[in-house]
Amino acid sequence: MSLSAAATQEVTMDTLSVTMSVTREGTEATVVQSQLRQALDAALAEARKAVRPKALDVQTGAFSLSPRYANSPSRPSAPAIVGWTGRAELLIEGRDLPAVAQLVGRLPTMTVARVGFGLSREARERVEDDTTQQAIARFRARADSYARQFGFVGYQIREVQVGVQEPPMVMSRAPVMMRATATAAPEEALPVEAGKTTVSSTVSGSVQMLR
């Protein structure tokens, strides 16, 4: 007999991830790159003061520089480089949500680009253990019940698979008002509220019913 059982548990996300960004434009690539580095270095210097392993960590993200083209009146079929656009990112993540939110407000050289919530590895593994135990217990109970309903006295497990569906990081792009606020009021903490996510475990397999 083939059968399956599942268990799901809802849990509050305990990790906040914020992507800060800065963009610059100019006619000279070296100038734009220098401006990006200055803004990133200033944000890094402040962010490093708040670093605490697992509670709050920071790392640099994407750093890009791309040309802007426009058609020349003398050569309309051959676009020429008229300027440069650059972007740099700083990633802040941690389980101390108030500390992360407050740090974001102390980085006036960068603005909020994305905000996300997720589960820490420790919390995820703890919930996965709980849901897996529940799914196994339901599988065994269901196998025993089905076997007896078919007139057998018990069962023997022949094959079994255990799977866990890990919750994804829930990301959202910061609204325009949030980005503007981060620039206008650099000491104001980012307003955040962690939601919930679900962790599911599934046990499936086959059993031999016994007389």
Protein backbone atom coordinates (compact mmCIF):
# COMPACT_ATOMS: atom_id res chain seq x y z
CA MET A 1 0.00 0.00 0.00
CA SER A 2 1.29 3.48 -0.94
CA LEU A 3 0.42 6.48 1.18
CA SER A 4 1.66 9.88 2.36
CA ALA A 5 1.27 12.26 5.27
CA ALA A 6 2.22 15.88 5.85
CA ALA A 7 2.58 18.38 8.67
CA THR A 8 2.73 22.17 8.50
CA GLN A 9 3.69 24.69 11.14
CA GLU A 10 3.30 28.47 11.02
CA VAL A 11 6.18 30.46 12.50
CA THR A 12 7.10 34.13 12.80
CA MET A 13 10.04 35.14 10.60
CA ASP A 14 13.00 36.21 12.72
CA THR A 15 15.50 37.60 10.20
CA LEU A 16 15.36 41.02 8.53
CA SER A 17 17.28 41.70 5.33
CA VAL A 18 17.60 45.23 3.91
CA THR A 19 19.30 46.17 0.65
CA MET A 20 20.57 49.75 0.61
CA SER A 21 21.56 51.37 -2.67
CA VAL A 22 23.05 54.53 -4.11
CA THR A 23 23.04 55.73 -7.72
CA ARG A 24 25.14 58.40 -9.38
CA GLU A 25 25.27 59.86 -12.89
CA GLY A 26 27.89 61.91 -14.67
CA THR A 27 29.81 62.45 -17.86
CA GLU A 28 33.03 60.85 -16.61
CA ALA A 29 33.14 57.17 -15.61
CA THR A 30 35.95 57.72 -13.10
CA VAL A 31 34.05 60.52 -11.38
CA VAL A 32 30.85 58.45 -11.08
CA GLN A 33 32.83 55.49 -9.75
CA SER A 34 34.58 57.70 -7.20
CA GLN A 35 31.27 59.14 -5.99
CA LEU A 36 29.84 55.65 -5.56
CA ARG A 37 32.88 54.52 -3.58
CA GLN A 38 32.66 57.55 -1.30
CA ALA A 39 28.97 56.95 -0.56
CA LEU A 40 29.56 53.22 0.00
CA ASP A 41 32.63 53.77 2.19
CA ALA A 42 30.74 56.26 4.38
CA ALA A 43 27.85 53.81 4.83
CA LEU A 44 30.23 50.92 5.55
CA ALA A 45 32.12 52.91 8.18
CA GLU A 46 28.88 53.54 10.07
CA ALA A 47 27.47 50.05 9.54
CA ARG A 48 30.58 48.27 10.84
CA LYS A 49 30.07 49.92 14.23
CA ALA A 50 26.80 48.01 14.65
CA VAL A 51 27.99 44.58 13.48
CA ARG A 52 27.33 41.69 15.84
CA PRO A 53 27.61 38.14 14.46
CA LYS A 54 24.17 36.69 13.60
CA ALA A 55 22.41 39.60 15.31
CA LEU A 56 23.50 42.06 12.61
CA ASP A 57 25.84 41.51 9.66
CA VAL A 58 26.72 43.67 6.68
CA GLN A 59 28.28 43.02 3.31
CA THR A 60 28.72 44.87 0.06
CA GLY A 61 26.42 43.94 -2.82
CA ALA A 62 26.35 44.74 -6.51
CA PHE A 63 28.59 47.51 -7.87
CA SER A 64 27.91 48.45 -11.50
CA LEU A 65 28.83 51.17 -13.95
CA SER A 66 27.17 51.42 -17.38
CA PRO A 67 27.30 53.95 -20.23
CA ARG A 68 24.40 56.09 -21.43
CA TYR A 69 24.04 56.48 -25.19
CA ALA A 70 22.46 59.13 -27.40
CA ASN A 71 22.35 59.75 -31.12
CA SER A 72 24.70 62.36 -32.49
CA PRO A 73 23.21 64.97 -34.88
CA SER A 74 26.12 64.43 -37.25
CA ARG A 75 25.94 60.62 -37.04
CA PRO A 76 22.35 59.62 -36.16
CA SER A 77 22.99 55.94 -36.97
CA ALA A 78 25.94 55.67 -34.55
CA PRO A 79 24.93 56.36 -30.92
CA ALA A 80 27.71 57.84 -28.80
CA ILE A 81 28.40 57.65 -25.08
CA VAL A 82 27.07 60.81 -23.44
CA GLY A 83 27.37 59.83 -19.80
CA TRP A 84 27.62 57.13 -17.18
CA THR A 85 25.24 55.67 -14.59
CA GLY A 86 26.47 53.76 -11.57
CA ARG A 87 24.89 51.85 -8.72
CA ALA A 88 26.27 50.34 -5.50
CA GLU A 89 24.53 48.20 -2.89
CA LEU A 90 25.03 47.40 0.77
CA LEU A 91 23.29 44.39 2.35
CA ILE A 92 22.26 44.45 6.02
CA GLU A 93 20.86 41.31 7.64
CA GLY A 94 20.27 40.10 11.15
CA ARG A 95 17.98 38.67 13.79
CA ASP A 96 18.02 41.84 15.87
CA LEU A 97 15.24 43.53 13.92
CA PRO A 98 15.24 46.84 15.90
CA ALA A 99 19.03 47.18 15.47
CA VAL A 100 18.80 46.59 11.71
CA ALA A 101 15.93 49.07 11.39
CA GLN A 102 17.81 51.72 13.40
CA LEU A 103 21.03 51.25 11.41
CA VAL A 104 19.16 51.87 8.15
CA GLY A 105 18.18 55.30 9.47
CA ARG A 106 21.81 56.17 10.17
CA LEU A 107 23.01 55.74 6.57
CA PRO A 108 22.15 59.03 4.85
CA THR A 109 24.39 58.35 1.84
CA MET A 110 22.21 55.41 0.75
CA THR A 111 18.48 54.69 0.41
CA VAL A 112 16.37 51.58 0.97
CA ALA A 113 15.90 49.50 -2.18
CA ARG A 114 14.47 46.22 -0.90
CA VAL A 115 13.28 44.79 2.41
CA GLY A 116 12.87 41.09 3.15
CA PHE A 117 12.05 38.74 5.99
CA GLY A 118 13.05 35.13 6.50
CA LEU A 119 13.89 32.42 9.00
CA SER A 120 17.31 31.97 10.54
CA ARG A 121 18.96 28.59 10.03
CA GLU A 122 18.51 27.69 13.69
CA ALA A 123 14.80 28.52 13.69
CA ARG A 124 14.24 26.74 10.39
CA GLU A 125 15.99 23.55 11.52
CA ARG A 126 14.05 23.54 14.81
CA VAL A 127 10.71 23.86 13.03
CA GLU A 128 11.73 21.31 10.39
CA ASP A 129 12.48 18.77 13.14
CA ASP A 130 9.06 19.37 14.71
CA THR A 131 7.09 19.10 11.46
CA THR A 132 9.05 16.01 10.34
CA GLN A 133 8.28 14.23 13.63
CA GLN A 134 4.61 15.12 13.24
CA ALA A 135 4.54 13.90 9.62
CA ILE A 136 6.22 10.60 10.54
CA ALA A 137 3.76 10.03 13.39
CA ARG A 138 0.82 10.73 11.04
CA PHE A 139 2.28 8.40 8.40
CA ARG A 140 2.58 5.55 10.91
CA ALA A 141 -0.88 6.18 12.35
CA ARG A 142 -2.42 6.33 8.87
CA ALA A 143 -0.64 3.14 7.76
CA ASP A 144 -1.87 1.28 10.85
CA SER A 145 -5.43 2.56 10.43
CA TYR A 146 -5.61 1.71 6.73
CA ALA A 147 -4.14 -1.76 7.27
CA ARG A 148 -6.74 -2.58 9.92
CA GLN A 149 -9.56 -1.21 7.78
CA PHE A 150 -8.52 -3.67 5.08
CA GLY A 151 -8.66 -6.52 7.58
CA PHE A 152 -4.94 -6.83 8.37
CA VAL A 153 -3.37 -6.85 11.84
CA GLY A 154 -0.50 -4.47 11.09
CA TYR A 155 2.02 -3.33 8.57
CA GLN A 156 5.74 -3.29 7.77
CA ILE A 157 7.42 -0.29 6.14
CA ARG A 158 8.93 -1.17 2.76
CA GLU A 159 10.03 2.22 1.46
CA VAL A 160 9.79 5.79 2.74
CA GLN A 161 10.84 9.28 1.63
CA VAL A 162 10.97 12.37 3.82
CA GLY A 163 10.89 15.85 2.31
CA VAL A 164 10.89 19.37 3.75
CA GLN A 165 9.63 22.47 1.98
CA GLU A 166 11.80 25.37 3.10
CA PRO A 167 10.17 28.81 3.29
CA PRO A 168 11.61 31.39 0.86
CA MET A 169 12.90 34.82 1.85
CA VAL A 170 9.97 37.23 1.44
CA MET A 171 11.33 40.26 -0.42
CA SER A 172 9.58 43.49 -1.33
CA ARG A 173 10.78 46.57 -3.15
CA ALA A 174 10.75 49.62 -0.91
CA PRO A 175 8.05 52.14 -1.87
CA VAL A 176 9.07 55.57 -3.11
CA MET A 177 7.92 57.21 0.14
CA MET A 178 10.19 54.93 2.17
CA ARG A 179 13.19 55.76 0.03
CA ALA A 180 12.48 59.47 0.28
CA THR A 181 12.04 59.27 4.05
CA ALA A 182 15.39 57.54 4.45
CA THR A 183 17.05 60.51 2.78
CA ALA A 184 15.03 63.28 4.40
CA ALA A 185 15.22 61.94 7.96
CA PRO A 186 18.50 60.01 8.30
CA GLU A 187 18.01 59.34 12.04
CA GLU A 188 14.56 57.82 11.64
CA ALA A 189 14.43 54.03 12.02
CA LEU A 190 12.92 51.97 9.23
CA PRO A 191 9.39 50.85 10.21
CA VAL A 192 9.26 47.03 10.04
CA GLU A 193 6.89 44.29 11.14
CA ALA A 194 7.81 40.62 10.69
CA GLY A 195 5.07 38.43 9.29
CA LYS A 196 4.63 34.67 9.40
CA THR A 197 5.66 31.87 7.09
CA THR A 198 5.03 28.13 6.98
CA VAL A 199 7.35 25.14 7.05
CA SER A 200 6.02 21.84 5.71
CA SER A 201 7.31 18.27 5.93
CA THR A 202 6.03 15.35 3.88
CA VAL A 203 6.49 11.64 4.42
CA SER A 204 5.53 9.27 1.61
CA GLY A 205 6.24 5.63 0.88
CA SER A 206 4.87 2.13 0.76
CA VAL A 207 4.06 -0.47 3.40
CA GLN A 208 3.44 -4.20 3.38
CA MET A 209 0.21 -5.09 5.20
CA LEU A 210 0.51 -8.08 7.51
CA ARG A 211 -2.03 -10.78 8.40
